[in-house]
Amino acid sequence: AQTALIQRNVAKAIQRGRLDDRPTTNLLRGFA
């Protein structure tokens, strides 16, 4: 469940294309 949630949130952040999302997406990838 956590992995699926992380994948969805990272995909949404990539779609937004905002540089300020990078620290959070990097943290989420580490959790994954």
Full PDB file with SEQRES, HELIX, SHEET, SSBOND, CRYST1, ORIGX, SCALE, CONECT and MASTER records, all heavy atoms in Angstrom:
SEQRES   1 A   32  ALA GLN THR ALA LEU ILE GLN ARG ASN VAL ALA LYS ALA          
SEQRES   2 A   32  ILE GLN ARG GLY ARG LEU ASP ASP ARG PRO THR THR ASN          
SEQRES   3 A   32  LEU LEU ARG GLY PHE ALA                                      
HELIX    1 AA1 GLN A    2  ARG A   16  1                                  15    
HELIX    2 AA2 LEU A   19  ASP A   21  5                                   3    
HELIX    3 AA3 ARG A   22  PHE A   31  1                                  10    
CRYST1    1.000    1.000    1.000  90.00  90.00  90.00 P 1           1          
ORIGX1      1.000000  0.000000  0.000000        0.00000                         
ORIGX2      0.000000  1.000000  0.000000        0.00000                         
ORIGX3      0.000000  0.000000  1.000000        0.00000                         
SCALE1      1.000000  0.000000  0.000000        0.00000                         
SCALE2      0.000000  1.000000  0.000000        0.00000                         
SCALE3      0.000000  0.000000  1.000000        0.00000                         
ATOM      1  N   ALA A   1       0.831  -1.206   0.000  1.00  0.00           N  
ATOM      2  CA  ALA A   1       0.000   0.000   0.000  1.00  0.00           C  
ATOM      3  C   ALA A   1       0.869   1.262   0.000  1.00  0.00           C  
ATOM      4  O   ALA A   1       0.603   2.209  -0.747  1.00  0.00           O  
ATOM      5  CB  ALA A   1      -0.939  -0.004   1.210  1.00  0.00           C  
ATOM      6  N   GLN A   2       1.919   1.271   0.819  1.00  0.00           N  
ATOM      7  CA  GLN A   2       2.799   2.435   0.879  1.00  0.00           C  
ATOM      8  C   GLN A   2       3.551   2.630  -0.435  1.00  0.00           C  
ATOM      9  O   GLN A   2       3.708   3.763  -0.901  1.00  0.00           O  
ATOM     10  CB  GLN A   2       3.803   2.278   2.031  1.00  0.00           C  
ATOM     11  CG  GLN A   2       3.190   2.455   3.389  1.00  0.00           C  
ATOM     12  CD  GLN A   2       2.713   3.881   3.601  1.00  0.00           C  
ATOM     13  OE1 GLN A   2       3.492   4.819   3.563  1.00  0.00           O  
ATOM     14  NE2 GLN A   2       1.425   4.051   3.824  1.00  0.00           N  
ATOM     15  N   THR A   3       3.993   1.533  -1.032  1.00  0.00           N  
ATOM     16  CA  THR A   3       4.711   1.616  -2.303  1.00  0.00           C  
ATOM     17  C   THR A   3       3.811   2.179  -3.396  1.00  0.00           C  
ATOM     18  O   THR A   3       4.233   3.041  -4.179  1.00  0.00           O  
ATOM     19  CB  THR A   3       5.270   0.236  -2.694  1.00  0.00           C  
ATOM     20  OG1 THR A   3       6.168  -0.201  -1.655  1.00  0.00           O  
ATOM     21  CG2 THR A   3       6.011   0.283  -4.010  1.00  0.00           C  
ATOM     22  N   ALA A   4       2.576   1.718  -3.441  1.00  0.00           N  
ATOM     23  CA  ALA A   4       1.631   2.233  -4.445  1.00  0.00           C  
ATOM     24  C   ALA A   4       1.378   3.724  -4.237  1.00  0.00           C  
ATOM     25  O   ALA A   4       1.335   4.500  -5.206  1.00  0.00           O  
ATOM     26  CB  ALA A   4       0.320   1.448  -4.381  1.00  0.00           C  
ATOM     27  N   LEU A   5       1.222   4.137  -2.996  1.00  0.00           N  
ATOM     28  CA  LEU A   5       1.006   5.553  -2.689  1.00  0.00           C  
ATOM     29  C   LEU A   5       2.218   6.391  -3.103  1.00  0.00           C  
ATOM     30  O   LEU A   5       2.069   7.460  -3.706  1.00  0.00           O  
ATOM     31  CB  LEU A   5       0.720   5.724  -1.196  1.00  0.00           C  
ATOM     32  CG  LEU A   5       0.476   7.134  -0.697  1.00  0.00           C  
ATOM     33  CD1 LEU A   5      -0.743   7.757  -1.373  1.00  0.00           C  
ATOM     34  CD2 LEU A   5       0.312   7.124   0.815  1.00  0.00           C  
ATOM     35  N   ILE A   6       3.400   5.902  -2.807  1.00  0.00           N  
ATOM     36  CA  ILE A   6       4.621   6.615  -3.199  1.00  0.00           C  
ATOM     37  C   ILE A   6       4.686   6.742  -4.710  1.00  0.00           C  
ATOM     38  O   ILE A   6       4.972   7.826  -5.244  1.00  0.00           O  
ATOM     39  CB  ILE A   6       5.866   5.886  -2.646  1.00  0.00           C  
ATOM     40  CG1 ILE A   6       5.953   6.087  -1.126  1.00  0.00           C  
ATOM     41  CG2 ILE A   6       7.141   6.377  -3.335  1.00  0.00           C  
ATOM     42  CD1 ILE A   6       6.985   5.208  -0.442  1.00  0.00           C  
ATOM     43  N   GLN A   7       4.422   5.660  -5.419  1.00  0.00           N  
ATOM     44  CA  GLN A   7       4.478   5.695  -6.886  1.00  0.00           C  
ATOM     45  C   GLN A   7       3.493   6.712  -7.458  1.00  0.00           C  
ATOM     46  O   GLN A   7       3.828   7.455  -8.383  1.00  0.00           O  
ATOM     47  CB  GLN A   7       4.219   4.300  -7.468  1.00  0.00           C  
ATOM     48  CG  GLN A   7       5.361   3.350  -7.209  1.00  0.00           C  
ATOM     49  CD  GLN A   7       5.027   1.909  -7.554  1.00  0.00           C  
ATOM     50  OE1 GLN A   7       3.874   1.539  -7.762  1.00  0.00           O  
ATOM     51  NE2 GLN A   7       6.046   1.075  -7.595  1.00  0.00           N  
ATOM     52  N   ARG A   8       2.272   6.746  -6.911  1.00  0.00           N  
ATOM     53  CA  ARG A   8       1.288   7.727  -7.386  1.00  0.00           C  
ATOM     54  C   ARG A   8       1.754   9.159  -7.133  1.00  0.00           C  
ATOM     55  O   ARG A   8       1.638  10.023  -8.002  1.00  0.00           O  
ATOM     56  CB  ARG A   8      -0.072   7.498  -6.711  1.00  0.00           C  
ATOM     57  CG  ARG A   8      -0.845   6.333  -7.266  1.00  0.00           C  
ATOM     58  CD  ARG A   8      -2.291   6.326  -6.791  1.00  0.00           C  
ATOM     59  NE  ARG A   8      -2.468   6.381  -5.354  1.00  0.00           N  
ATOM     60  CZ  ARG A   8      -2.500   5.321  -4.550  1.00  0.00           C  
ATOM     61  NH1 ARG A   8      -2.379   4.113  -5.042  1.00  0.00           N  
ATOM     62  NH2 ARG A   8      -2.685   5.466  -3.258  1.00  0.00           N  
ATOM     63  N   ASN A   9       2.270   9.408  -5.950  1.00  0.00           N  
ATOM     64  CA  ASN A   9       2.700  10.767  -5.619  1.00  0.00           C  
ATOM     65  C   ASN A   9       3.912  11.201  -6.430  1.00  0.00           C  
ATOM     66  O   ASN A   9       3.995  12.368  -6.842  1.00  0.00           O  
ATOM     67  CB  ASN A   9       2.972  10.886  -4.121  1.00  0.00           C  
ATOM     68  CG  ASN A   9       1.686  10.978  -3.332  1.00  0.00           C  
ATOM     69  OD1 ASN A   9       0.727  11.593  -3.774  1.00  0.00           O  
ATOM     70  ND2 ASN A   9       1.657  10.353  -2.170  1.00  0.00           N  
ATOM     71  N   VAL A  10       4.840  10.310  -6.671  1.00  0.00           N  
ATOM     72  CA  VAL A  10       6.004  10.656  -7.497  1.00  0.00           C  
ATOM     73  C   VAL A  10       5.554  10.918  -8.934  1.00  0.00           C  
ATOM     74  O   VAL A  10       6.004  11.884  -9.561  1.00  0.00           O  
ATOM     75  CB  VAL A  10       7.081   9.551  -7.425  1.00  0.00           C  
ATOM     76  CG1 VAL A  10       8.160   9.766  -8.477  1.00  0.00           C  
ATOM     77  CG2 VAL A  10       7.709   9.512  -6.026  1.00  0.00           C  
ATOM     78  N   ALA A  11       4.654  10.090  -9.447  1.00  0.00           N  
ATOM     79  CA  ALA A  11       4.154  10.296 -10.818  1.00  0.00           C  
ATOM     80  C   ALA A  11       3.459  11.647 -10.949  1.00  0.00           C  
ATOM     81  O   ALA A  11       3.657  12.367 -11.940  1.00  0.00           O  
ATOM     82  CB  ALA A  11       3.206   9.169 -11.203  1.00  0.00           C  
ATOM     83  N   LYS A  12       2.655  12.021  -9.956  1.00  0.00           N  
ATOM     84  CA  LYS A  12       1.986  13.327  -9.984  1.00  0.00           C  
ATOM     85  C   LYS A  12       2.996  14.463  -9.948  1.00  0.00           C  
ATOM     86  O   LYS A  12       2.844  15.465 -10.646  1.00  0.00           O  
ATOM     87  CB  LYS A  12       1.011  13.453  -8.809  1.00  0.00           C  
ATOM     88  CG  LYS A  12      -0.236  12.626  -8.967  1.00  0.00           C  
ATOM     89  CD  LYS A  12      -1.116  12.767  -7.738  1.00  0.00           C  
ATOM     90  CE  LYS A  12      -2.317  11.855  -7.814  1.00  0.00           C  
ATOM     91  NZ  LYS A  12      -3.145  11.943  -6.602  1.00  0.00           N  
ATOM     92  N   ALA A  13       4.034  14.315  -9.143  1.00  0.00           N  
ATOM     93  CA  ALA A  13       5.058  15.349  -9.055  1.00  0.00           C  
ATOM     94  C   ALA A  13       5.808  15.484 -10.380  1.00  0.00           C  
ATOM     95  O   ALA A  13       6.095  16.608 -10.819  1.00  0.00           O  
ATOM     96  CB  ALA A  13       6.038  15.033  -7.926  1.00  0.00           C  
ATOM     97  N   ILE A  14       6.083  14.366 -11.013  1.00  0.00           N  
ATOM     98  CA  ILE A  14       6.765  14.411 -12.310  1.00  0.00           C  
ATOM     99  C   ILE A  14       5.888  15.110 -13.339  1.00  0.00           C  
ATOM    100  O   ILE A  14       6.375  15.922 -14.133  1.00  0.00           O  
ATOM    101  CB  ILE A  14       7.164  12.986 -12.755  1.00  0.00           C  
ATOM    102  CG1 ILE A  14       8.287  12.468 -11.863  1.00  0.00           C  
ATOM    103  CG2 ILE A  14       7.579  12.968 -14.227  1.00  0.00           C  
ATOM    104  CD1 ILE A  14       8.600  11.004 -12.043  1.00  0.00           C  
ATOM    105  N   GLN A  15       4.596  14.836 -13.306  1.00  0.00           N  
ATOM    106  CA  GLN A  15       3.663  15.501 -14.232  1.00  0.00           C  
ATOM    107  C   GLN A  15       3.658  17.013 -14.024  1.00  0.00           C  
ATOM    108  O   GLN A  15       3.577  17.770 -14.985  1.00  0.00           O  
ATOM    109  CB  GLN A  15       2.238  14.972 -14.047  1.00  0.00           C  
ATOM    110  CG  GLN A  15       1.952  13.719 -14.804  1.00  0.00           C  
ATOM    111  CD  GLN A  15       0.484  13.332 -14.651  1.00  0.00           C  
ATOM    112  OE1 GLN A  15      -0.131  13.548 -13.611  1.00  0.00           O  
ATOM    113  NE2 GLN A  15      -0.064  12.763 -15.701  1.00  0.00           N  
ATOM    114  N   ARG A  16       3.724  17.452 -12.772  1.00  0.00           N  
ATOM    115  CA  ARG A  16       3.733  18.887 -12.496  1.00  0.00           C  
ATOM    116  C   ARG A  16       5.008  19.532 -13.026  1.00  0.00           C  
ATOM    117  O   ARG A  16       4.997  20.689 -13.430  1.00  0.00           O  
ATOM    118  CB  ARG A  16       3.616  19.155 -10.991  1.00  0.00           C  
ATOM    119  CG  ARG A  16       2.240  18.979 -10.445  1.00  0.00           C  
ATOM    120  CD  ARG A  16       2.138  19.492  -9.021  1.00  0.00           C  
ATOM    121  NE  ARG A  16       3.024  18.825  -8.094  1.00  0.00           N  
ATOM    122  CZ  ARG A  16       2.730  17.740  -7.390  1.00  0.00           C  
ATOM    123  NH1 ARG A  16       1.543  17.170  -7.535  1.00  0.00           N  
ATOM    124  NH2 ARG A  16       3.595  17.209  -6.560  1.00  0.00           N  
ATOM    125  N   GLY A  17       6.103  18.797 -12.966  1.00  0.00           N  
ATOM    126  CA  GLY A  17       7.369  19.306 -13.482  1.00  0.00           C  
ATOM    127  C   GLY A  17       7.961  20.453 -12.690  1.00  0.00           C  
ATOM    128  O   GLY A  17       8.717  21.255 -13.237  1.00  0.00           O  
ATOM    129  N   ARG A  18       7.653  20.538 -11.425  1.00  0.00           N  
ATOM    130  CA  ARG A  18       8.155  21.643 -10.598  1.00  0.00           C  
ATOM    131  C   ARG A  18       9.447  21.237  -9.890  1.00  0.00           C  
ATOM    132  O   ARG A  18       9.530  20.180  -9.273  1.00  0.00           O  
ATOM    133  CB  ARG A  18       7.115  22.030  -9.564  1.00  0.00           C  
ATOM    134  CG  ARG A  18       5.864  22.620 -10.200  1.00  0.00           C  
ATOM    135  CD  ARG A  18       4.830  22.955  -9.191  1.00  0.00           C  
ATOM    136  NE  ARG A  18       5.420  23.637  -8.031  1.00  0.00           N  
ATOM    137  CZ  ARG A  18       4.715  24.168  -7.065  1.00  0.00           C  
ATOM    138  NH1 ARG A  18       3.399  24.122  -7.105  1.00  0.00           N  
ATOM    139  NH2 ARG A  18       5.304  24.760  -6.057  1.00  0.00           N  
ATOM    140  N   LEU A  19      10.436  22.084  -9.974  1.00  0.00           N  
ATOM    141  CA  LEU A  19      11.723  21.793  -9.343  1.00  0.00           C  
ATOM    142  C   LEU A  19      11.617  21.710  -7.822  1.00  0.00           C  
ATOM    143  O   LEU A  19      12.371  20.966  -7.189  1.00  0.00           O  
ATOM    144  CB  LEU A  19      12.757  22.845  -9.737  1.00  0.00           C  
ATOM    145  CG  LEU A  19      13.197  22.815 -11.201  1.00  0.00           C  
ATOM    146  CD1 LEU A  19      14.181  23.946 -11.476  1.00  0.00           C  
ATOM    147  CD2 LEU A  19      13.804  21.478 -11.556  1.00  0.00           C  
ATOM    148  N   ASP A  20      10.686  22.453  -7.234  1.00  0.00           N  
ATOM    149  CA  ASP A  20      10.572  22.426  -5.776  1.00  0.00           C  
ATOM    150  C   ASP A  20       9.974  21.123  -5.249  1.00  0.00           C  
ATOM    151  O   ASP A  20       9.959  20.891  -4.048  1.00  0.00           O  
ATOM    152  CB  ASP A  20       9.805  23.642  -5.251  1.00  0.00           C  
ATOM    153  CG  ASP A  20       8.389  23.750  -5.783  1.00  0.00           C  
ATOM    154  OD1 ASP A  20       8.114  23.228  -6.874  1.00  0.00           O  
ATOM    155  OD2 ASP A  20       7.558  24.381  -5.105  1.00  0.00           O  
ATOM    156  N   ASP A  21       9.493  20.237  -6.143  1.00  0.00           N  
ATOM    157  CA  ASP A  21       9.022  18.907  -5.738  1.00  0.00           C  
ATOM    158  C   ASP A  21      10.175  17.911  -5.570  1.00  0.00           C  
ATOM    159  O   ASP A  21       9.993  16.859  -4.964  1.00  0.00           O  
ATOM    160  CB  ASP A  21       8.050  18.332  -6.773  1.00  0.00           C  
ATOM    161  CG  ASP A  21       6.640  18.872  -6.639  1.00  0.00           C  
ATOM    162  OD1 ASP A  21       6.297  19.367  -5.551  1.00  0.00           O  
ATOM    163  OD2 ASP A  21       5.882  18.774  -7.624  1.00  0.00           O  
ATOM    164  N   ARG A  22      11.328  18.232  -6.117  1.00  0.00           N  
ATOM    165  CA  ARG A  22      12.440  17.271  -6.127  1.00  0.00           C  
ATOM    166  C   ARG A  22      12.862  16.767  -4.753  1.00  0.00           C  
ATOM    167  O   ARG A  22      13.065  15.560  -4.592  1.00  0.00           O  
ATOM    168  CB  ARG A  22      13.638  17.839  -6.873  1.00  0.00           C  
ATOM    169  CG  ARG A  22      13.498  17.670  -8.345  1.00  0.00           C  
ATOM    170  CD  ARG A  22      14.809  17.874  -9.041  1.00  0.00           C  
ATOM    171  NE  ARG A  22      14.584  17.747 -10.472  1.00  0.00           N  
ATOM    172  CZ  ARG A  22      15.392  18.187 -11.377  1.00  0.00           C  
ATOM    173  NH1 ARG A  22      16.508  18.797 -11.011  1.00  0.00           N  
ATOM    174  NH2 ARG A  22      15.123  18.034 -12.642  1.00  0.00           N  
ATOM    175  N   PRO A  23      13.033  17.616  -3.756  1.00  0.00           N  
ATOM    176  CA  PRO A  23      13.441  17.071  -2.450  1.00  0.00           C  
ATOM    177  C   PRO A  23      12.445  16.041  -1.909  1.00  0.00           C  
ATOM    178  O   PRO A  23      12.838  15.011  -1.363  1.00  0.00           O  
ATOM    179  CB  PRO A  23      13.515  18.304  -1.548  1.00  0.00           C  
ATOM    180  CG  PRO A  23      13.719  19.451  -2.476  1.00  0.00           C  
ATOM    181  CD  PRO A  23      12.983  19.089  -3.731  1.00  0.00           C  
ATOM    182  N   THR A  24      11.166  16.308  -2.097  1.00  0.00           N  
ATOM    183  CA  THR A  24      10.148  15.375  -1.609  1.00  0.00           C  
ATOM    184  C   THR A  24      10.144  14.090  -2.424  1.00  0.00           C  
ATOM    185  O   THR A  24      10.059  12.999  -1.857  1.00  0.00           O  
ATOM    186  CB  THR A  24       8.757  16.043  -1.640  1.00  0.00           C  
ATOM    187  OG1 THR A  24       8.796  17.211  -0.817  1.00  0.00           O  
ATOM    188  CG2 THR A  24       7.683  15.091  -1.139  1.00  0.00           C  
ATOM    189  N   THR A  25      10.235  14.206  -3.739  1.00  0.00           N  
ATOM    190  CA  THR A  25      10.239  12.984  -4.556  1.00  0.00           C  
ATOM    191  C   THR A  25      11.497  12.157  -4.281  1.00  0.00           C  
ATOM    192  O   THR A  25      11.424  10.923  -4.265  1.00  0.00           O  
ATOM    193  CB  THR A  25      10.099  13.282  -6.058  1.00  0.00           C  
ATOM    194  OG1 THR A  25      11.139  14.153  -6.471  1.00  0.00           O  
ATOM    195  CG2 THR A  25       8.747  13.879  -6.378  1.00  0.00           C  
ATOM    196  N   ASN A  26      12.620  12.808  -4.041  1.00  0.00           N  
ATOM    197  CA  ASN A  26      13.827  12.059  -3.682  1.00  0.00           C  
ATOM    198  C   ASN A  26      13.653  11.332  -2.359  1.00  0.00           C  
ATOM    199  O   ASN A  26      14.070  10.180  -2.214  1.00  0.00           O  
ATOM    200  CB  ASN A  26      15.046  12.983  -3.627  1.00  0.00           C  
ATOM    201  CG  ASN A  26      15.511  13.399  -5.003  1.00  0.00           C  
ATOM    202  OD1 ASN A  26      15.233  12.720  -5.994  1.00  0.00           O  
ATOM    203  ND2 ASN A  26      16.214  14.513  -5.073  1.00  0.00           N  
ATOM    204  N   LEU A  27      13.023  11.986  -1.395  1.00  0.00           N  
ATOM    205  CA  LEU A  27      12.743  11.354  -0.105  1.00  0.00           C  
ATOM    206  C   LEU A  27      11.816  10.156  -0.300  1.00  0.00           C  
ATOM    207  O   LEU A  27      12.056   9.071   0.236  1.00  0.00           O  
ATOM    208  CB  LEU A  27      12.116  12.369   0.853  1.00  0.00           C  
ATOM    209  CG  LEU A  27      11.767  11.871   2.243  1.00  0.00           C  
ATOM    210  CD1 LEU A  27      13.023  11.545   3.034  1.00  0.00           C  
ATOM    211  CD2 LEU A  27      10.953  12.932   2.971  1.00  0.00           C  
ATOM    212  N   LEU A  28      10.761  10.343  -1.086  1.00  0.00           N  
ATOM    213  CA  LEU A  28       9.824   9.248  -1.336  1.00  0.00           C  
ATOM    214  C   LEU A  28      10.493   8.078  -2.047  1.00  0.00           C  
ATOM    215  O   LEU A  28      10.222   6.917  -1.733  1.00  0.00           O  
ATOM    216  CB  LEU A  28       8.629   9.747  -2.144  1.00  0.00           C  
ATOM    217  CG  LEU A  28       7.686  10.701  -1.406  1.00  0.00           C  
ATOM    218  CD1 LEU A  28       6.622  11.240  -2.355  1.00  0.00           C  
ATOM    219  CD2 LEU A  28       7.056  10.010  -0.211  1.00  0.00           C  
ATOM    220  N   ARG A  29      11.364   8.370  -2.995  1.00  0.00           N  
ATOM    221  CA  ARG A  29      12.092   7.289  -3.689  1.00  0.00           C  
ATOM    222  C   ARG A  29      12.979   6.524  -2.707  1.00  0.00           C  
ATOM    223  O   ARG A  29      13.102   5.299  -2.789  1.00  0.00           O  
ATOM    224  CB  ARG A  29      12.918   7.860  -4.829  1.00  0.00           C  
ATOM    225  CG  ARG A  29      12.081   8.268  -6.016  1.00  0.00           C  
ATOM    226  CD  ARG A  29      12.966   8.768  -7.157  1.00  0.00           C  
ATOM    227  NE  ARG A  29      12.174   9.138  -8.302  1.00  0.00           N  
ATOM    228  CZ  ARG A  29      12.060  10.376  -8.762  1.00  0.00           C  
ATOM    229  NH1 ARG A  29      12.711  11.378  -8.173  1.00  0.00           N  
ATOM    230  NH2 ARG A  29      11.317  10.634  -9.823  1.00  0.00           N  
ATOM    231  N   GLY A  30      13.587   7.230  -1.771  1.00  0.00           N  
ATOM    232  CA  GLY A  30      14.385   6.565  -0.741  1.00  0.00           C  
ATOM    233  C   GLY A  30      13.537   5.664   0.133  1.00  0.00           C  
ATOM    234  O   GLY A  30      13.946   4.544   0.472  1.00  0.00           O  
ATOM    235  N   PHE A  31      12.342   6.139   0.479  1.00  0.00           N  
ATOM    236  CA  PHE A  31      11.427   5.300   1.259  1.00  0.00           C  
ATOM    237  C   PHE A  31      11.028   4.068   0.466  1.00  0.00           C  
ATOM    238  O   PHE A  31      10.939   2.958   1.012  1.00  0.00           O  
ATOM    239  CB  PHE A  31      10.183   6.086   1.661  1.00  0.00           C  
ATOM    240  CG  PHE A  31      10.411   7.116   2.729  1.00  0.00           C  
ATOM    241  CD1 PHE A  31       9.482   8.115   2.926  1.00  0.00           C  
ATOM    242  CD2 PHE A  31      11.536   7.106   3.537  1.00  0.00           C  
ATOM    243  CE1 PHE A  31       9.663   9.067   3.920  1.00  0.00           C  
ATOM    244  CE2 PHE A  31      11.736   8.048   4.519  1.00  0.00           C  
ATOM    245  CZ  PHE A  31      10.792   9.045   4.715  1.00  0.00           C  
ATOM    246  N   ALA A  32      10.771   4.228  -0.834  1.00  0.00           N  
ATOM    247  CA  ALA A  32      10.392   3.090  -1.678  1.00  0.00           C  
ATOM    248  C   ALA A  32      11.517   2.056  -1.735  1.00  0.00           C  
ATOM    249  O   ALA A  32      11.256   0.845  -1.671  1.00  0.00           O  
ATOM    250  CB  ALA A  32      10.029   3.570  -3.082  1.00  0.00           C  
TER     251      ALA A  32                                                      
MASTER        0    0    0    3    0    0    0    6  250    1    0    3          
END                                                                             
